[in-house]
Amino acid sequence: MDSLSQLHPQVVHFPIALFAVYVLLEIIGAFVKKDFFSKAAHLVLFLGVLSAFAAVLTGNSAKDAARALSKAGASIPLKAIGEHEDYANFIMWFFAGLLVLRTYLILKKKFIGAIKYIFVILALAGAFFVYRTGELGGRLVYKYGVGTDLKKMEIKNLPSKRGE
């Protein structure tokens, strides 16, 4: 599972990018009368949700590794990690809910008119939460050094449990 935690820094960029593209396509799809943009938004939202699940999975593995390092004596900001995790879980389920609702409305042929504008507002709200989650993740790296070589050196220099 430790290898999953090492993938987190790379994996998190997929939902960030896909949700940003989704928001743009949702806006264009609401205001331009070409069905292509709405269909593309739906597909990108689906891919974004899948990638968000992967980001949360790898993030949970990274949190478990951080918790173990904290118990070993490393200075790990567990409270900041928890806040980042809370936002990440929220946006994963927020966009998953949007996907389910959007799919339902499309299948019932009710994804029209004002509903499209409501989805633009929801997508923009989701984009704010993606931004906030990224901001918190960036703080973990740039303020606390989580996942950096400096933190790895600190951890490597921890006293061994065997008294070495």
C-alpha atoms as a PDB file:
ATOM      1  CA  MET A   1       0.000   0.000   0.000  1.00  0.00           C
ATOM      2  CA  ASP A   2       2.963   2.316   0.537  1.00  0.00           C
ATOM      3  CA  SER A   3       3.420   2.505  -3.251  1.00  0.00           C
ATOM      4  CA  LEU A   4      -0.090   3.987  -3.501  1.00  0.00           C
ATOM      5  CA  SER A   5       0.927   6.826  -1.195  1.00  0.00           C
ATOM      6  CA  GLN A   6       3.877   7.600  -3.452  1.00  0.00           C
ATOM      7  CA  LEU A   7       1.508   7.984  -6.422  1.00  0.00           C
ATOM      8  CA  HIS A   8      -0.633  10.627  -4.696  1.00  0.00           C
ATOM      9  CA  PRO A   9       1.335  13.690  -5.882  1.00  0.00           C
ATOM     10  CA  GLN A  10       0.945  12.600  -9.518  1.00  0.00           C
ATOM     11  CA  VAL A  11      -2.625  11.304  -9.343  1.00  0.00           C
ATOM     12  CA  VAL A  12      -4.119  14.441  -7.739  1.00  0.00           C
ATOM     13  CA  HIS A  13      -3.467  16.514 -10.850  1.00  0.00           C
ATOM     14  CA  PHE A  14      -5.944  14.500 -12.926  1.00  0.00           C
ATOM     15  CA  PRO A  15      -9.116  15.440 -11.014  1.00  0.00           C
ATOM     16  CA  ILE A  16      -7.916  19.040 -10.749  1.00  0.00           C
ATOM     17  CA  ALA A  17      -7.472  19.297 -14.513  1.00  0.00           C
ATOM     18  CA  LEU A  18     -10.551  17.261 -15.426  1.00  0.00           C
ATOM     19  CA  PHE A  19     -12.867  19.179 -13.096  1.00  0.00           C
ATOM     20  CA  ALA A  20     -11.525  22.485 -14.435  1.00  0.00           C
ATOM     21  CA  VAL A  21     -12.217  21.354 -18.009  1.00  0.00           C
ATOM     22  CA  TYR A  22     -15.640  20.055 -16.927  1.00  0.00           C
ATOM     23  CA  VAL A  23     -16.575  23.471 -15.517  1.00  0.00           C
ATOM     24  CA  LEU A  24     -15.546  25.197 -18.749  1.00  0.00           C
ATOM     25  CA  LEU A  25     -17.476  22.705 -20.875  1.00  0.00           C
ATOM     26  CA  GLU A  26     -20.529  22.994 -18.613  1.00  0.00           C
ATOM     27  CA  ILE A  27     -20.496  26.780 -19.023  1.00  0.00           C
ATOM     28  CA  ILE A  28     -20.035  26.576 -22.792  1.00  0.00           C
ATOM     29  CA  GLY A  29     -22.690  23.857 -23.045  1.00  0.00           C
ATOM     30  CA  ALA A  30     -25.230  26.013 -21.199  1.00  0.00           C
ATOM     31  CA  PHE A  31     -24.720  29.062 -23.375  1.00  0.00           C
ATOM     32  CA  VAL A  32     -23.893  27.569 -26.784  1.00  0.00           C
ATOM     33  CA  LYS A  33     -26.589  25.604 -28.525  1.00  0.00           C
ATOM     34  CA  LYS A  34     -24.294  22.772 -29.635  1.00  0.00           C
ATOM     35  CA  ASP A  35     -24.940  19.436 -27.944  1.00  0.00           C
ATOM     36  CA  PHE A  36     -21.265  18.481 -28.343  1.00  0.00           C
ATOM     37  CA  PHE A  37     -20.188  20.639 -25.384  1.00  0.00           C
ATOM     38  CA  SER A  38     -22.824  19.212 -23.064  1.00  0.00           C
ATOM     39  CA  LYS A  39     -21.880  15.647 -24.011  1.00  0.00           C
ATOM     40  CA  ALA A  40     -18.190  16.431 -23.614  1.00  0.00           C
ATOM     41  CA  ALA A  41     -18.894  17.950 -20.175  1.00  0.00           C
ATOM     42  CA  HIS A  42     -20.656  14.745 -19.139  1.00  0.00           C
ATOM     43  CA  LEU A  43     -17.760  12.559 -20.268  1.00  0.00           C
ATOM     44  CA  VAL A  44     -15.132  14.781 -18.618  1.00  0.00           C
ATOM     45  CA  LEU A  45     -17.180  14.859 -15.395  1.00  0.00           C
ATOM     46  CA  PHE A  46     -17.264  11.042 -15.424  1.00  0.00           C
ATOM     47  CA  LEU A  47     -13.485  10.867 -15.916  1.00  0.00           C
ATOM     48  CA  GLY A  48     -12.987  13.496 -13.219  1.00  0.00           C
ATOM     49  CA  VAL A  49     -15.005  11.478 -10.711  1.00  0.00           C
ATOM     50  CA  LEU A  50     -13.021   8.321 -11.507  1.00  0.00           C
ATOM     51  CA  SER A  51      -9.758  10.204 -11.074  1.00  0.00           C
ATOM     52  CA  ALA A  52     -11.026  11.775  -7.824  1.00  0.00           C
ATOM     53  CA  PHE A  53     -11.655   8.296  -6.423  1.00  0.00           C
ATOM     54  CA  ALA A  54      -8.056   7.385  -7.350  1.00  0.00           C
ATOM     55  CA  ALA A  55      -6.754  10.585  -5.737  1.00  0.00           C
ATOM     56  CA  VAL A  56      -8.655   9.896  -2.525  1.00  0.00           C
ATOM     57  CA  LEU A  57      -7.493   6.257  -2.494  1.00  0.00           C
ATOM     58  CA  THR A  58      -3.840   7.259  -2.860  1.00  0.00           C
ATOM     59  CA  GLY A  59      -4.358  10.108  -0.392  1.00  0.00           C
ATOM     60  CA  ASN A  60      -5.739   7.727   2.216  1.00  0.00           C
ATOM     61  CA  SER A  61      -2.645   5.575   1.769  1.00  0.00           C
ATOM     62  CA  ALA A  62      -0.441   8.666   2.152  1.00  0.00           C
ATOM     63  CA  LYS A  63      -2.336   9.656   5.317  1.00  0.00           C
ATOM     64  CA  ASP A  64      -1.802   6.186   6.794  1.00  0.00           C
ATOM     65  CA  ALA A  65       1.919   6.434   6.025  1.00  0.00           C
ATOM     66  CA  ALA A  66       2.023   9.925   7.602  1.00  0.00           C
ATOM     67  CA  ARG A  67       0.267   8.650  10.718  1.00  0.00           C
ATOM     68  CA  ALA A  68       2.817   5.845  11.065  1.00  0.00           C
ATOM     69  CA  LEU A  69       5.679   8.321  10.678  1.00  0.00           C
ATOM     70  CA  SER A  70       4.107  10.593  13.265  1.00  0.00           C
ATOM     71  CA  LYS A  71       3.978   7.698  15.725  1.00  0.00           C
ATOM     72  CA  ALA A  72       7.669   7.110  15.004  1.00  0.00           C
ATOM     73  CA  GLY A  73       8.441  10.697  16.033  1.00  0.00           C
ATOM     74  CA  ALA A  74       8.374  12.654  12.765  1.00  0.00           C
ATOM     75  CA  SER A  75       6.788  16.092  12.863  1.00  0.00           C
ATOM     76  CA  ILE A  76       3.777  15.459  10.641  1.00  0.00           C
ATOM     77  CA  PRO A  77       0.903  18.018  10.518  1.00  0.00           C
ATOM     78  CA  LEU A  78      -1.918  15.494  11.001  1.00  0.00           C
ATOM     79  CA  LYS A  79      -4.535  18.217  11.583  1.00  0.00           C
ATOM     80  CA  ALA A  80      -3.672  19.897   8.256  1.00  0.00           C
ATOM     81  CA  ILE A  81      -3.720  16.508   6.521  1.00  0.00           C
ATOM     82  CA  GLY A  82      -7.167  15.843   8.017  1.00  0.00           C
ATOM     83  CA  GLU A  83      -8.519  19.161   6.722  1.00  0.00           C
ATOM     84  CA  HIS A  84      -7.147  18.429   3.245  1.00  0.00           C
ATOM     85  CA  GLU A  85      -8.701  14.956   3.418  1.00  0.00           C
ATOM     86  CA  ASP A  86     -12.096  16.364   4.441  1.00  0.00           C
ATOM     87  CA  TYR A  87     -12.176  18.701   1.444  1.00  0.00           C
ATOM     88  CA  ALA A  88     -10.979  15.960  -0.913  1.00  0.00           C
ATOM     89  CA  ASN A  89     -13.706  13.574   0.233  1.00  0.00           C
ATOM     90  CA  PHE A  90     -16.300  16.314  -0.046  1.00  0.00           C
ATOM     91  CA  ILE A  91     -15.422  17.184  -3.649  1.00  0.00           C
ATOM     92  CA  MET A  92     -15.234  13.531  -4.653  1.00  0.00           C
ATOM     93  CA  TRP A  93     -18.789  12.941  -3.406  1.00  0.00           C
ATOM     94  CA  PHE A  94     -20.014  16.360  -4.590  1.00  0.00           C
ATOM     95  CA  PHE A  95     -18.956  15.687  -8.185  1.00  0.00           C
ATOM     96  CA  ALA A  96     -20.119  12.059  -7.980  1.00  0.00           C
ATOM     97  CA  GLY A  97     -23.534  13.365  -6.930  1.00  0.00           C
ATOM     98  CA  LEU A  98     -23.505  15.854  -9.811  1.00  0.00           C
ATOM     99  CA  LEU A  99     -22.664  13.024 -12.186  1.00  0.00           C
ATOM    100  CA  VAL A 100     -25.509  10.826 -10.943  1.00  0.00           C
ATOM    101  CA  LEU A 101     -28.015  13.697 -11.031  1.00  0.00           C
ATOM    102  CA  ARG A 102     -26.840  14.875 -14.448  1.00  0.00           C
ATOM    103  CA  THR A 103     -27.040  11.340 -15.854  1.00  0.00           C
ATOM    104  CA  TYR A 104     -30.542  10.886 -14.449  1.00  0.00           C
ATOM    105  CA  LEU A 105     -31.736  14.201 -15.919  1.00  0.00           C
ATOM    106  CA  ILE A 106     -30.220  13.377 -19.308  1.00  0.00           C
ATOM    107  CA  LEU A 107     -31.860   9.946 -19.365  1.00  0.00           C
ATOM    108  CA  LYS A 108     -35.213  11.520 -18.441  1.00  0.00           C
ATOM    109  CA  LYS A 109     -34.614  14.212 -21.115  1.00  0.00           C
ATOM    110  CA  LYS A 110     -34.928  16.933 -18.482  1.00  0.00           C
ATOM    111  CA  PHE A 111     -31.411  18.355 -18.741  1.00  0.00           C
ATOM    112  CA  ILE A 112     -32.671  21.495 -20.474  1.00  0.00           C
ATOM    113  CA  GLY A 113     -33.262  25.196 -19.897  1.00  0.00           C
ATOM    114  CA  ALA A 114     -32.773  26.477 -16.356  1.00  0.00           C
ATOM    115  CA  ILE A 115     -31.411  23.093 -15.210  1.00  0.00           C
ATOM    116  CA  LYS A 116     -28.299  23.703 -17.328  1.00  0.00           C
ATOM    117  CA  TYR A 117     -27.728  27.055 -15.602  1.00  0.00           C
ATOM    118  CA  ILE A 118     -28.167  25.455 -12.184  1.00  0.00           C
ATOM    119  CA  PHE A 119     -25.452  22.971 -13.137  1.00  0.00           C
ATOM    120  CA  VAL A 120     -23.169  25.839 -14.137  1.00  0.00           C
ATOM    121  CA  ILE A 121     -23.595  27.297 -10.650  1.00  0.00           C
ATOM    122  CA  LEU A 122     -22.998  23.900  -9.029  1.00  0.00           C
ATOM    123  CA  ALA A 123     -19.935  23.314 -11.215  1.00  0.00           C
ATOM    124  CA  LEU A 124     -18.508  26.708 -10.235  1.00  0.00           C
ATOM    125  CA  ALA A 125     -19.117  25.925  -6.560  1.00  0.00           C
ATOM    126  CA  GLY A 126     -17.335  22.608  -7.048  1.00  0.00           C
ATOM    127  CA  ALA A 127     -14.430  24.418  -8.723  1.00  0.00           C
ATOM    128  CA  PHE A 128     -14.032  26.554  -5.608  1.00  0.00           C
ATOM    129  CA  PHE A 129     -13.781  23.420  -3.454  1.00  0.00           C
ATOM    130  CA  VAL A 130     -11.239  21.905  -5.852  1.00  0.00           C
ATOM    131  CA  TYR A 131      -9.205  25.113  -5.541  1.00  0.00           C
ATOM    132  CA  ARG A 132      -9.433  25.031  -1.743  1.00  0.00           C
ATOM    133  CA  THR A 133      -8.412  21.368  -1.603  1.00  0.00           C
ATOM    134  CA  GLY A 134      -5.412  22.079  -3.829  1.00  0.00           C
ATOM    135  CA  GLU A 135      -4.485  25.070  -1.709  1.00  0.00           C
ATOM    136  CA  LEU A 136      -4.491  22.901   1.425  1.00  0.00           C
ATOM    137  CA  GLY A 137      -2.470  20.195  -0.334  1.00  0.00           C
ATOM    138  CA  GLY A 138       0.017  22.788  -1.534  1.00  0.00           C
ATOM    139  CA  ARG A 139       0.383  24.068   2.014  1.00  0.00           C
ATOM    140  CA  LEU A 140       1.218  20.530   3.167  1.00  0.00           C
ATOM    141  CA  VAL A 141       4.059  20.431   0.653  1.00  0.00           C
ATOM    142  CA  TYR A 142       5.378  23.990   0.731  1.00  0.00           C
ATOM    143  CA  LYS A 143       4.805  24.940   4.371  1.00  0.00           C
ATOM    144  CA  TYR A 144       5.265  21.600   6.116  1.00  0.00           C
ATOM    145  CA  GLY A 145       7.450  19.772   3.577  1.00  0.00           C
ATOM    146  CA  VAL A 146       5.198  16.710   3.429  1.00  0.00           C
ATOM    147  CA  GLY A 147       6.366  14.417   0.646  1.00  0.00           C
ATOM    148  CA  THR A 148       9.589  16.345  -0.017  1.00  0.00           C
ATOM    149  CA  ASP A 149      13.205  15.224   0.215  1.00  0.00           C
ATOM    150  CA  LEU A 150      13.684  17.426   3.311  1.00  0.00           C
ATOM    151  CA  LYS A 151      10.928  15.561   5.150  1.00  0.00           C
ATOM    152  CA  LYS A 152      12.397  12.239   3.987  1.00  0.00           C
ATOM    153  CA  MET A 153      15.777  13.249   5.434  1.00  0.00           C
ATOM    154  CA  GLU A 154      14.125  14.169   8.753  1.00  0.00           C
ATOM    155  CA  ILE A 155      12.392  10.786   8.846  1.00  0.00           C
ATOM    156  CA  LYS A 156      15.581   8.937   7.898  1.00  0.00           C
ATOM    157  CA  ASN A 157      17.372  10.569  10.844  1.00  0.00           C
ATOM    158  CA  LEU A 158      14.775   9.497  13.409  1.00  0.00           C
ATOM    159  CA  PRO A 159      16.153   7.302  16.171  1.00  0.00           C
ATOM    160  CA  SER A 160      15.636   3.634  15.403  1.00  0.00           C
ATOM    161  CA  LYS A 161      13.338   1.641  17.658  1.00  0.00           C
ATOM    162  CA  ARG A 162      16.081  -0.963  18.014  1.00  0.00           C
ATOM    163  CA  GLY A 163      18.336   1.528  19.791  1.00  0.00           C
ATOM    164  CA  GLU A 164      20.818   1.867  16.913  1.00  0.00           C
END
